Amino acid sequence: MKDIFQLHDVARIKAGPYAGLVGRITQQLPGVGGGWLMVRIEGVKDGESVDVEKKFRPSELERNHG
């Protein structure tokens, strides 16, 4: 089942350099195939501090059930 995200929802990144990190949806951008979601990611990955805002397709995210 496809996850549907709303503004300020918490989502886990499934792939790429930020895989496994959790971020908050800050903006929804229109587009084909569900559009894009801007995600604010704050945390630590491989001992490095991460504080970025990046654009993801909804298929690259999943609900954070943790």
C-alpha atoms as a PDB file:
ATOM      1  CA  MET A   1       0.000   0.000   0.000  1.00  0.00           C
ATOM      2  CA  LYS A   2       1.304   3.451  -0.942  1.00  0.00           C
ATOM      3  CA  ASP A   3       1.967   5.863   1.929  1.00  0.00           C
ATOM      4  CA  ILE A   4       0.286   9.257   1.717  1.00  0.00           C
ATOM      5  CA  PHE A   5       2.167  12.059   3.424  1.00  0.00           C
ATOM      6  CA  GLN A   6       0.835  15.345   4.766  1.00  0.00           C
ATOM      7  CA  LEU A   7       2.694  18.490   5.753  1.00  0.00           C
ATOM      8  CA  HIS A   8       4.682  18.005   9.021  1.00  0.00           C
ATOM      9  CA  ASP A   9       4.445  14.191   8.888  1.00  0.00           C
ATOM     10  CA  VAL A  10       7.540  12.259   9.942  1.00  0.00           C
ATOM     11  CA  ALA A  11       9.019   9.985   7.253  1.00  0.00           C
ATOM     12  CA  ARG A  12      11.963   7.589   6.990  1.00  0.00           C
ATOM     13  CA  ILE A  13      14.199   7.790   3.901  1.00  0.00           C
ATOM     14  CA  LYS A  14      14.424   4.394   2.147  1.00  0.00           C
ATOM     15  CA  ALA A  15      17.392   4.846  -0.234  1.00  0.00           C
ATOM     16  CA  GLY A  16      20.384   6.980  -1.078  1.00  0.00           C
ATOM     17  CA  PRO A  17      22.964   8.605   1.160  1.00  0.00           C
ATOM     18  CA  TYR A  18      20.339   9.489   3.794  1.00  0.00           C
ATOM     19  CA  ALA A  19      18.781   5.993   3.957  1.00  0.00           C
ATOM     20  CA  GLY A  20      17.576   5.121   7.431  1.00  0.00           C
ATOM     21  CA  LEU A  21      17.386   8.709   8.649  1.00  0.00           C
ATOM     22  CA  VAL A  22      14.102  10.314   9.651  1.00  0.00           C
ATOM     23  CA  GLY A  23      12.875  13.715   8.523  1.00  0.00           C
ATOM     24  CA  ARG A  24       9.814  15.938   8.620  1.00  0.00           C
ATOM     25  CA  ILE A  25       7.810  16.915   5.512  1.00  0.00           C
ATOM     26  CA  THR A  26       8.172  20.698   5.110  1.00  0.00           C
ATOM     27  CA  GLN A  27       6.620  21.265   1.683  1.00  0.00           C
ATOM     28  CA  GLN A  28       4.621  19.427  -0.973  1.00  0.00           C
ATOM     29  CA  LEU A  29       5.547  20.209  -4.583  1.00  0.00           C
ATOM     30  CA  PRO A  30       3.262  19.301  -7.518  1.00  0.00           C
ATOM     31  CA  GLY A  31       4.443  16.991 -10.254  1.00  0.00           C
ATOM     32  CA  VAL A  32       3.783  13.846 -12.238  1.00  0.00           C
ATOM     33  CA  GLY A  33       3.559  10.560 -10.315  1.00  0.00           C
ATOM     34  CA  GLY A  34       2.752  12.059  -6.925  1.00  0.00           C
ATOM     35  CA  GLY A  35       4.987  15.097  -7.109  1.00  0.00           C
ATOM     36  CA  TRP A  36       7.844  15.824  -4.726  1.00  0.00           C
ATOM     37  CA  LEU A  37       8.169  16.284  -0.985  1.00  0.00           C
ATOM     38  CA  MET A  38      10.692  18.562   0.706  1.00  0.00           C
ATOM     39  CA  VAL A  39      12.050  16.804   3.797  1.00  0.00           C
ATOM     40  CA  ARG A  40      14.041  18.410   6.611  1.00  0.00           C
ATOM     41  CA  ILE A  41      16.573  15.831   7.863  1.00  0.00           C
ATOM     42  CA  GLU A  42      18.363  16.362  11.177  1.00  0.00           C
ATOM     43  CA  GLY A  43      20.428  13.648  12.822  1.00  0.00           C
ATOM     44  CA  VAL A  44      23.713  11.750  12.781  1.00  0.00           C
ATOM     45  CA  LYS A  45      24.859   9.324  10.068  1.00  0.00           C
ATOM     46  CA  ASP A  46      28.233   7.540  10.211  1.00  0.00           C
ATOM     47  CA  GLY A  47      29.402   9.869  12.978  1.00  0.00           C
ATOM     48  CA  GLU A  48      28.659  12.996  10.915  1.00  0.00           C
ATOM     49  CA  SER A  49      26.008  15.531  11.838  1.00  0.00           C
ATOM     50  CA  VAL A  50      23.290  15.890   9.177  1.00  0.00           C
ATOM     51  CA  ASP A  51      21.140  19.013   8.858  1.00  0.00           C
ATOM     52  CA  VAL A  52      19.722  19.351   5.322  1.00  0.00           C
ATOM     53  CA  GLU A  53      16.496  19.927   3.432  1.00  0.00           C
ATOM     54  CA  LYS A  54      16.185  17.704   0.372  1.00  0.00           C
ATOM     55  CA  LYS A  55      13.581  16.876  -2.277  1.00  0.00           C
ATOM     56  CA  PHE A  56      12.270  13.270  -2.450  1.00  0.00           C
ATOM     57  CA  ARG A  57       9.649  11.381  -4.427  1.00  0.00           C
ATOM     58  CA  PRO A  58       6.973   9.844  -2.170  1.00  0.00           C
ATOM     59  CA  SER A  59       8.168   6.377  -3.281  1.00  0.00           C
ATOM     60  CA  GLU A  60      11.580   7.119  -1.687  1.00  0.00           C
ATOM     61  CA  LEU A  61       9.956   7.562   1.745  1.00  0.00           C
ATOM     62  CA  GLU A  62       8.072   5.393   4.207  1.00  0.00           C
ATOM     63  CA  ARG A  63       6.139   6.063   7.379  1.00  0.00           C
ATOM     64  CA  ASN A  64       8.270   6.112  10.515  1.00  0.00           C
ATOM     65  CA  HIS A  65       6.804   3.400  12.732  1.00  0.00           C
ATOM     66  CA  GLY A  66       9.529   3.622  15.375  1.00  0.00           C
END
